[in-house]
Amino acid sequence: MAGNPERGRSKIDWATAHMPLLDRLRTSFREERPFADRRISMSIHLEAKTACLAIFLRDGGAEVWVTGSNPLSTQDDIAVALAEEDRITVHAKHGASAKEYTEDLRRTLACRPDLILDDGGDLVHLLHEDPQENVIGGCEETTTGVGRLRIMAKENRLLFPMFAVNDAKMKSLFDNRYGTGQSVWDGIFRSTNLLIAGKTVVVVGYGWCGRGIAQRASGLGARVTVCEVNPIRALEAWMEGFSVAPIAEATRTADLIITATGCADAVPEAALRAAKDGLVLANAGHFNVEVRPETLAEIARSQRAVREGVEEYELDDGRRFYLLGEGRLVNLALGDGHPVEIMDLSFAIQALTLRHLLDRAPLPADVYPVPSEIDEQVARLKLETLGVATDSLTAAQREYLGLDAA
């Protein structure tokens, strides 16, 4: 494992200093040690903020095994620094091959974990290929991962309870919208150094991630078009001032396309063939299937790297397309991921949900929502760290609303 541990430690220290929620929770977790004698396996984008979560869980009593959830998002200096921590084992490296990536996942599960913290569903997938009876349950961080879990639950294949952290309000409304909205553009700026003002930006998918991306694009001066298959979301985009069009039509005038669907072939070959010269393609979904590199390679006569993380595909007629970060998560493949304060919210949800799971174990195998009390607790703590006060309902108001009724 290559990397500078001192530089990694500095990055972790910086992130720690800007994660007030985990800092507030750390005292009680150290005293209560809810994860004492528990083994936690994590597959998550391995950078400074996730290192803070691993250390936090360790401080709560756990033995922690960590790997990455995407070969291009692992930062080697962070991995090396984290591996120096007591009771934390790391199996990950930047740029791992598909075989190496899977082997690291298997090594992370070799500890026979009690709890799983997954990002995209790869750990859970492997645990269903080679089941372990000791698994109590876990949490899933992403839209893609929760979708995979729900398919398994519907088919009665899910072997243990999993909580859909992605669907918690304090995750989806903030991490997906404000986190993705900022970090995707950070990755695009770093890799391209292009001006966005005046360009035509197409956002494919108008879930919370797509909303954040579109809002930031508009703020940067872009002309924004949204592509959606859900008529309600398409109407929302229209009412919020964006153009709405099918992908085949939108691609013809696009300067930049960003996918955020969690679905395969969000930009199909036919749409690519109709695109104009100079099109830049980026993906904000978990897997590199929304814009497939192999599809671009098939229609191109040549390809070459033109900048770090930017691959040029030239067609027979001379048109050139540019794919960022191999079609992987652009905000993590070519950036540092979501802002620190945003991940502080998400990781507070993760930690509290894992504790909730242990408190209520055993639970039947299913996909569970994060309890609303945890959402509200995290929101209150965040407001406190910001020095923001709010009103409370009076007893009479609660009686009027029937909130205290049996």
Protein backbone atom coordinates (compact mmCIF):
# COMPACT_ATOMS: atom_id res chain seq x y z
CA MET A 1 0.00 0.00 0.00
CA ALA A 2 1.71 3.21 -1.22
CA GLY A 3 1.05 6.64 0.20
CA ASN A 4 2.33 9.29 2.58
CA PRO A 5 0.85 8.64 6.04
CA GLU A 6 1.80 12.09 7.36
CA ARG A 7 -0.11 13.78 4.55
CA GLY A 8 -3.01 11.38 5.13
CA ARG A 9 -3.04 12.13 8.84
CA SER A 10 -3.14 15.87 8.13
CA LYS A 11 -6.17 15.40 5.88
CA ILE A 12 -7.92 13.30 8.53
CA ASP A 13 -7.16 15.93 11.19
CA TRP A 14 -8.61 18.66 8.95
CA ALA A 15 -11.80 16.66 8.38
CA THR A 16 -12.10 15.84 12.10
CA ALA A 17 -11.89 19.54 12.98
CA HIS A 18 -14.87 20.26 10.72
CA MET A 19 -17.17 17.41 11.82
CA PRO A 20 -18.86 18.82 14.93
CA LEU A 21 -21.67 16.23 15.03
CA LEU A 22 -19.32 13.26 15.31
CA ASP A 23 -17.32 15.25 17.85
CA ARG A 24 -20.42 15.77 20.00
CA LEU A 25 -21.46 12.14 19.75
CA ARG A 26 -17.95 10.81 20.44
CA THR A 27 -18.08 11.43 24.20
CA SER A 28 -21.23 9.38 24.73
CA PHE A 29 -20.07 6.63 22.37
CA ARG A 30 -16.76 6.36 24.20
CA GLU A 31 -18.55 6.11 27.55
CA GLU A 32 -21.29 3.70 26.43
CA ARG A 33 -19.11 1.67 24.01
CA PRO A 34 -22.15 0.40 22.07
CA PHE A 35 -19.90 -1.54 19.68
CA ALA A 36 -17.73 -3.23 22.31
CA ASP A 37 -16.70 -6.73 21.22
CA ARG A 38 -18.29 -6.12 17.79
CA ARG A 39 -16.58 -6.38 14.42
CA ILE A 40 -17.64 -3.89 11.74
CA SER A 41 -16.79 -4.29 8.05
CA MET A 42 -16.99 -1.12 5.94
CA SER A 43 -16.97 -0.74 2.17
CA ILE A 44 -17.04 2.99 1.52
CA HIS A 45 -15.25 5.64 -0.51
CA LEU A 46 -11.97 5.67 1.36
CA GLU A 47 -10.89 9.26 1.91
CA ALA A 48 -10.41 11.57 4.91
CA LYS A 49 -14.03 11.90 5.96
CA THR A 50 -14.72 8.17 5.92
CA ALA A 51 -11.52 7.63 7.89
CA CYS A 52 -13.09 9.86 10.56
CA LEU A 53 -16.14 7.56 10.64
CA ALA A 54 -13.97 4.44 10.99
CA ILE A 55 -12.08 6.04 13.89
CA PHE A 56 -15.37 7.11 15.48
CA LEU A 57 -16.76 3.55 15.33
CA ARG A 58 -13.48 2.27 16.79
CA ASP A 59 -13.81 4.79 19.62
CA GLY A 60 -17.27 3.32 20.24
CA GLY A 61 -15.63 -0.02 21.02
CA ALA A 62 -15.56 -1.75 17.61
CA GLU A 63 -12.87 -3.60 15.72
CA VAL A 64 -13.11 -2.07 12.24
CA TRP A 65 -12.15 -3.50 8.85
CA VAL A 66 -12.22 -1.02 5.96
CA THR A 67 -12.07 -1.24 2.18
CA GLY A 68 -13.03 1.08 -0.66
CA SER A 69 -16.28 0.99 -2.59
CA ASN A 70 -14.70 2.33 -5.79
CA PRO A 71 -11.09 1.77 -6.94
CA LEU A 72 -10.68 5.36 -8.12
CA SER A 73 -12.01 7.01 -4.95
CA THR A 74 -9.53 5.37 -2.56
CA GLN A 75 -6.82 7.81 -1.49
CA ASP A 76 -3.64 5.91 -0.68
CA ASP A 77 -2.30 8.42 1.84
CA ILE A 78 -5.54 8.15 3.80
CA ALA A 79 -5.51 4.35 3.62
CA VAL A 80 -1.96 4.19 4.98
CA ALA A 81 -2.65 6.68 7.78
CA LEU A 82 -5.86 4.90 8.77
CA ALA A 83 -4.09 1.52 8.84
CA GLU A 84 -1.78 2.89 11.55
CA GLU A 85 -4.75 3.32 13.93
CA ASP A 86 -5.29 0.73 16.66
CA ARG A 87 -8.05 -1.83 15.98
CA ILE A 88 -8.52 -0.68 12.37
CA THR A 89 -7.51 -2.90 9.43
CA VAL A 90 -7.44 -1.53 5.87
CA HIS A 91 -7.54 -3.45 2.60
CA ALA A 92 -7.68 -0.95 -0.27
CA LYS A 93 -5.58 0.86 -2.84
CA HIS A 94 -6.19 3.44 -5.51
CA GLY A 95 -6.62 2.06 -9.01
CA ALA A 96 -7.15 -1.55 -7.96
CA SER A 97 -8.09 -3.94 -10.75
CA ALA A 98 -11.52 -5.57 -10.65
CA LYS A 99 -9.92 -8.73 -9.25
CA GLU A 100 -7.94 -6.81 -6.61
CA TYR A 101 -11.02 -4.81 -5.64
CA THR A 102 -13.09 -7.96 -5.09
CA GLU A 103 -10.26 -9.60 -3.15
CA ASP A 104 -10.07 -6.57 -0.85
CA LEU A 105 -13.80 -6.87 -0.22
CA ARG A 106 -13.34 -10.54 0.69
CA ARG A 107 -10.44 -9.73 3.03
CA THR A 108 -12.62 -7.14 4.75
CA LEU A 109 -15.25 -9.82 5.36
CA ALA A 110 -12.73 -12.40 6.58
CA CYS A 111 -13.02 -10.94 10.10
CA ARG A 112 -16.55 -12.43 10.24
CA PRO A 113 -18.25 -9.11 10.96
CA ASP A 114 -21.21 -8.52 13.22
CA LEU A 115 -22.20 -5.33 11.41
CA ILE A 116 -21.95 -4.13 7.80
CA LEU A 117 -21.58 -0.56 6.59
CA ASP A 118 -21.98 -0.65 2.82
CA ASP A 119 -21.81 1.89 0.00
CA GLY A 120 -23.26 0.51 -3.22
CA GLY A 121 -24.02 -3.01 -2.00
CA ASP A 122 -20.88 -4.94 -2.93
CA LEU A 123 -20.19 -6.22 0.61
CA VAL A 124 -23.76 -7.42 1.00
CA HIS A 125 -23.61 -9.05 -2.44
CA LEU A 126 -20.54 -11.07 -1.44
CA LEU A 127 -22.14 -12.05 1.87
CA HIS A 128 -24.98 -13.57 -0.11
CA GLU A 129 -22.54 -15.56 -2.24
CA ASP A 130 -20.80 -16.85 0.89
CA PRO A 131 -23.19 -16.35 3.85
CA GLN A 132 -21.97 -15.80 7.41
CA GLU A 133 -24.41 -16.60 10.21
CA ASN A 134 -22.81 -14.10 12.59
CA VAL A 135 -23.98 -11.01 10.64
CA ILE A 136 -26.52 -9.05 12.72
CA GLY A 137 -27.27 -6.50 10.00
CA GLY A 138 -26.07 -3.19 8.64
CA CYS A 139 -26.60 0.08 6.83
CA GLU A 140 -26.55 1.09 3.17
CA GLU A 141 -25.45 4.60 2.19
CA THR A 142 -26.45 4.96 -1.45
CA THR A 143 -29.45 5.05 -3.76
CA THR A 144 -27.91 2.30 -5.88
CA GLY A 145 -27.23 0.08 -2.88
CA VAL A 146 -30.71 0.52 -1.42
CA GLY A 147 -32.18 -0.38 -4.80
CA ARG A 148 -30.18 -3.61 -4.87
CA LEU A 149 -31.31 -4.43 -1.33
CA ARG A 150 -34.98 -3.89 -2.15
CA ILE A 151 -34.75 -6.25 -5.11
CA MET A 152 -33.23 -8.91 -2.83
CA ALA A 153 -35.91 -8.36 -0.18
CA LYS A 154 -38.68 -8.56 -2.77
CA GLU A 155 -37.26 -11.86 -4.02
CA ASN A 156 -36.93 -13.16 -0.43
CA ARG A 157 -33.16 -13.47 -0.83
CA LEU A 158 -32.04 -10.95 1.80
CA LEU A 159 -30.42 -12.82 4.69
CA PHE A 160 -30.21 -10.10 7.36
CA PRO A 161 -31.74 -6.70 8.18
CA MET A 162 -30.35 -3.61 6.44
CA PHE A 163 -31.23 0.02 7.13
CA ALA A 164 -31.69 2.37 4.16
CA VAL A 165 -29.56 5.25 5.40
CA ASN A 166 -29.75 6.81 1.95
CA ASP A 167 -33.47 7.43 2.43
CA ALA A 168 -33.14 9.22 5.76
CA LYS A 169 -34.15 12.87 5.40
CA MET A 170 -30.93 14.10 6.95
CA LYS A 171 -29.07 12.11 4.31
CA SER A 172 -31.06 12.44 1.09
CA LEU A 173 -32.09 16.07 1.51
CA PHE A 174 -28.56 17.21 2.35
CA ASP A 175 -25.93 14.69 1.22
CA ASN A 176 -27.61 13.92 -2.10
CA ARG A 177 -28.71 17.47 -2.91
CA TYR A 178 -26.11 19.83 -1.42
CA GLY A 179 -23.23 17.37 -1.22
CA THR A 180 -23.56 16.00 -4.74
CA GLY A 181 -24.51 19.43 -6.06
CA GLN A 182 -21.19 20.88 -4.92
CA SER A 183 -18.81 17.94 -5.20
CA VAL A 184 -19.75 16.95 -8.76
CA TRP A 185 -18.87 20.41 -9.98
CA ASP A 186 -15.66 20.33 -7.96
CA GLY A 187 -14.59 17.17 -9.81
CA ILE A 188 -15.55 18.68 -13.18
CA PHE A 189 -13.69 21.93 -12.51
CA ARG A 190 -10.54 20.18 -11.35
CA SER A 191 -10.37 17.84 -14.33
CA THR A 192 -11.41 20.17 -17.16
CA ASN A 193 -10.63 23.78 -16.16
CA LEU A 194 -13.54 24.79 -18.41
CA LEU A 195 -16.00 27.67 -18.04
CA ILE A 196 -19.59 26.62 -17.25
CA ALA A 197 -21.34 29.97 -17.71
CA GLY A 198 -23.11 30.07 -21.05
CA LYS A 199 -22.81 26.34 -21.71
CA THR A 200 -25.71 23.95 -22.23
CA VAL A 201 -25.70 21.40 -19.41
CA VAL A 202 -27.90 18.31 -19.54
CA VAL A 203 -28.68 16.61 -16.22
CA VAL A 204 -30.00 13.06 -16.65
CA GLY A 205 -32.09 12.12 -13.62
CA TYR A 206 -33.89 14.54 -11.32
CA GLY A 207 -33.77 12.79 -7.97
CA TRP A 208 -32.15 14.63 -5.09
CA CYS A 209 -28.69 14.28 -6.64
CA GLY A 210 -29.89 15.55 -10.00
CA ARG A 211 -31.67 18.46 -8.33
CA GLY A 212 -28.48 19.54 -6.60
CA ILE A 213 -26.43 19.28 -9.78
CA ALA A 214 -29.00 21.22 -11.83
CA GLN A 215 -29.35 23.96 -9.21
CA ARG A 216 -25.59 24.51 -9.05
CA ALA A 217 -25.34 24.48 -12.85
CA SER A 218 -27.97 27.19 -13.06
CA GLY A 219 -26.15 29.22 -10.42
CA LEU A 220 -22.97 28.96 -12.48
CA GLY A 221 -24.73 30.51 -15.47
CA ALA A 222 -25.42 27.39 -17.50
CA ARG A 223 -28.50 26.70 -19.60
CA VAL A 224 -29.88 23.56 -17.99
CA THR A 225 -31.97 20.79 -19.52
CA VAL A 226 -33.27 17.87 -17.46
CA CYS A 227 -33.97 14.37 -18.81
CA GLU A 228 -36.34 12.22 -16.73
CA VAL A 229 -38.47 9.09 -17.12
CA ASN A 230 -40.62 9.96 -14.09
CA PRO A 231 -43.36 12.41 -15.16
CA ILE A 232 -43.70 13.90 -11.67
CA ARG A 233 -39.99 14.69 -11.43
CA ALA A 234 -39.99 16.00 -14.99
CA LEU A 235 -42.83 18.38 -14.09
CA GLU A 236 -40.95 19.48 -10.96
CA ALA A 237 -37.91 20.31 -13.07
CA TRP A 238 -40.06 22.29 -15.48
CA MET A 239 -41.75 24.21 -12.64
CA GLU A 240 -38.33 25.01 -11.20
CA GLY A 241 -37.33 26.74 -14.40
CA PHE A 242 -35.39 24.05 -16.27
CA SER A 243 -35.98 22.83 -19.79
CA VAL A 244 -37.11 19.22 -20.05
CA ALA A 245 -36.46 16.97 -23.05
CA PRO A 246 -35.80 13.35 -24.05
CA ILE A 247 -32.13 12.35 -23.98
CA ALA A 248 -32.01 11.86 -27.77
CA GLU A 249 -33.09 15.47 -28.28
CA ALA A 250 -31.11 17.03 -25.42
CA THR A 251 -27.84 15.42 -26.46
CA ARG A 252 -27.82 17.23 -29.83
CA THR A 253 -27.09 20.63 -28.25
CA ALA A 254 -25.35 19.59 -25.01
CA ASP A 255 -21.91 20.88 -24.09
CA LEU A 256 -21.85 18.80 -20.91
CA ILE A 257 -23.95 15.81 -19.82
CA ILE A 258 -24.05 14.66 -16.20
CA THR A 259 -25.86 11.44 -15.29
CA ALA A 260 -27.40 10.85 -11.87
CA THR A 261 -29.88 8.01 -12.34
CA GLY A 262 -28.44 4.87 -10.76
CA CYS A 263 -29.55 3.08 -13.96
CA ALA A 264 -27.61 1.54 -16.83
CA ASP A 265 -27.26 3.22 -20.23
CA ALA A 266 -28.65 6.58 -19.17
CA VAL A 267 -26.93 7.99 -22.27
CA PRO A 268 -27.48 5.30 -24.94
CA GLU A 269 -25.40 4.79 -28.06
CA ALA A 270 -27.98 6.37 -30.37
CA ALA A 271 -27.94 9.58 -28.34
CA LEU A 272 -24.15 9.65 -28.35
CA ARG A 273 -24.01 9.27 -32.12
CA ALA A 274 -26.18 12.40 -32.46
CA ALA A 275 -24.11 14.55 -30.08
CA LYS A 276 -22.11 17.54 -31.18
CA ASP A 277 -18.33 17.90 -31.23
CA GLY A 278 -16.68 18.61 -27.88
CA LEU A 279 -19.29 16.96 -25.66
CA VAL A 280 -18.06 16.35 -22.10
CA LEU A 281 -19.60 13.40 -20.23
CA ALA A 282 -19.58 12.92 -16.45
CA ASN A 283 -21.34 10.49 -14.14
CA ALA A 284 -22.57 11.04 -10.59
CA GLY A 285 -24.09 7.57 -10.16
CA HIS A 286 -22.42 4.78 -8.20
CA PHE A 287 -21.37 2.48 -11.07
CA ASN A 288 -19.78 3.32 -14.43
CA VAL A 289 -22.71 1.99 -16.43
CA GLU A 290 -24.68 5.19 -16.96
CA VAL A 291 -22.21 6.33 -19.63
CA ARG A 292 -20.40 3.18 -20.68
CA PRO A 293 -16.73 3.59 -21.66
CA GLU A 294 -17.03 0.50 -23.84
CA THR A 295 -19.87 2.10 -25.83
CA LEU A 296 -17.72 5.15 -26.52
CA ALA A 297 -14.81 2.91 -27.49
CA GLU A 298 -16.99 1.00 -29.96
CA ILE A 299 -18.15 4.10 -31.84
CA ALA A 300 -14.77 5.86 -31.79
CA ARG A 301 -11.90 5.38 -34.23
CA SER A 302 -9.34 6.40 -31.60
CA GLN A 303 -9.02 7.37 -27.96
CA ARG A 304 -6.37 9.02 -25.84
CA ALA A 305 -5.88 10.64 -22.45
CA VAL A 306 -5.80 14.42 -22.88
CA ARG A 307 -5.72 15.47 -19.22
CA GLU A 308 -5.53 13.57 -15.97
CA GLY A 309 -8.86 11.80 -15.67
CA VAL A 310 -10.07 12.95 -19.11
CA GLU A 311 -10.28 10.49 -22.02
CA GLU A 312 -10.89 11.75 -25.55
CA TYR A 313 -12.85 9.60 -28.02
CA GLU A 314 -12.65 10.67 -31.67
CA LEU A 315 -15.28 9.49 -34.16
CA ASP A 316 -14.77 8.79 -37.85
CA ASP A 317 -16.22 12.19 -38.80
CA GLY A 318 -13.80 14.03 -36.51
CA ARG A 319 -16.19 14.76 -33.65
CA ARG A 320 -14.60 14.38 -30.22
CA PHE A 321 -16.23 13.38 -26.94
CA TYR A 322 -14.57 13.58 -23.53
CA LEU A 323 -15.32 11.14 -20.69
CA LEU A 324 -14.36 12.13 -17.14
CA GLY A 325 -13.03 9.65 -14.58
CA GLU A 326 -13.65 6.53 -16.69
CA GLY A 327 -17.37 7.17 -16.26
CA ARG A 328 -17.10 6.56 -12.51
CA LEU A 329 -18.32 8.88 -9.77
CA VAL A 330 -16.78 12.15 -10.95
CA ASN A 331 -16.89 13.78 -7.53
CA LEU A 332 -14.76 11.04 -5.99
CA ALA A 333 -12.76 9.78 -8.96
CA LEU A 334 -11.57 13.32 -9.71
CA GLY A 335 -12.27 15.16 -6.46
CA ASP A 336 -12.47 14.76 -2.70
CA GLY A 337 -16.16 13.87 -2.58
CA HIS A 338 -18.79 15.71 -0.61
CA PRO A 339 -17.94 18.64 1.67
CA VAL A 340 -16.83 17.67 5.17
CA GLU A 341 -19.84 19.17 6.94
CA ILE A 342 -22.26 17.26 4.70
CA MET A 343 -20.63 13.92 5.47
CA ASP A 344 -20.71 14.81 9.16
CA LEU A 345 -24.52 14.66 8.85
CA SER A 346 -24.53 11.38 6.94
CA PHE A 347 -22.03 9.67 9.20
CA ALA A 348 -23.88 10.74 12.33
CA ILE A 349 -26.94 9.01 10.82
CA GLN A 350 -24.81 5.91 10.07
CA ALA A 351 -23.40 5.66 13.60
CA LEU A 352 -26.72 6.21 15.37
CA THR A 353 -28.50 3.75 13.08
CA LEU A 354 -25.92 1.02 13.72
CA ARG A 355 -26.42 1.54 17.45
CA HIS A 356 -30.19 1.42 16.96
CA LEU A 357 -29.82 -1.86 15.06
CA LEU A 358 -27.85 -3.44 17.90
CA ASP A 359 -30.34 -2.21 20.50
CA ARG A 360 -33.20 -3.93 18.64
CA ALA A 361 -31.49 -7.06 17.38
CA PRO A 362 -32.46 -9.60 16.29
CA LEU A 363 -34.65 -8.19 13.52
CA PRO A 364 -36.15 -10.15 10.61
CA ALA A 365 -34.31 -9.86 7.31
CA ASP A 366 -35.74 -6.83 5.51
CA VAL A 367 -34.92 -3.28 4.40
CA TYR A 368 -35.79 -0.85 7.19
CA PRO A 369 -36.15 2.93 7.24
CA VAL A 370 -34.02 5.00 9.57
CA PRO A 371 -36.26 5.95 12.54
CA SER A 372 -37.53 9.52 12.38
CA GLU A 373 -36.18 10.13 15.89
CA ILE A 374 -32.63 9.68 14.58
CA ASP A 375 -33.28 12.14 11.74
CA GLU A 376 -34.64 14.68 14.22
CA GLN A 377 -31.79 14.11 16.69
CA VAL A 378 -29.19 14.78 14.00
CA ALA A 379 -31.05 17.89 12.81
CA ARG A 380 -31.25 19.28 16.35
CA LEU A 381 -27.56 18.61 16.99
CA LYS A 382 -26.60 20.27 13.71
CA LEU A 383 -28.64 23.37 14.54
CA GLU A 384 -26.94 23.51 17.94
CA THR A 385 -23.49 23.42 16.35
CA LEU A 386 -24.57 26.32 14.12
CA GLY A 387 -25.88 28.32 17.08
CA VAL A 388 -29.38 28.30 15.59
CA ALA A 389 -32.42 28.23 17.89
CA THR A 390 -35.95 27.17 16.88
CA ASP A 391 -39.43 27.37 18.37
CA SER A 392 -41.22 24.47 20.08
CA LEU A 393 -44.90 23.66 20.17
CA THR A 394 -46.72 24.67 23.33
CA ALA A 395 -48.73 22.09 25.28
CA ALA A 396 -51.92 23.63 23.89
CA GLN A 397 -50.60 23.41 20.33
CA ARG A 398 -49.61 19.78 20.79
CA GLU A 399 -53.10 19.04 22.15
CA TYR A 400 -54.68 20.87 19.18
CA LEU A 401 -52.66 18.77 16.75
CA GLY A 402 -53.38 15.57 18.63
CA LEU A 403 -49.68 14.79 19.13
CA ASP A 404 -50.08 13.59 22.71
CA ALA A 405 -53.15 11.48 22.03
CA ALA A 406 -52.89 7.80 22.98
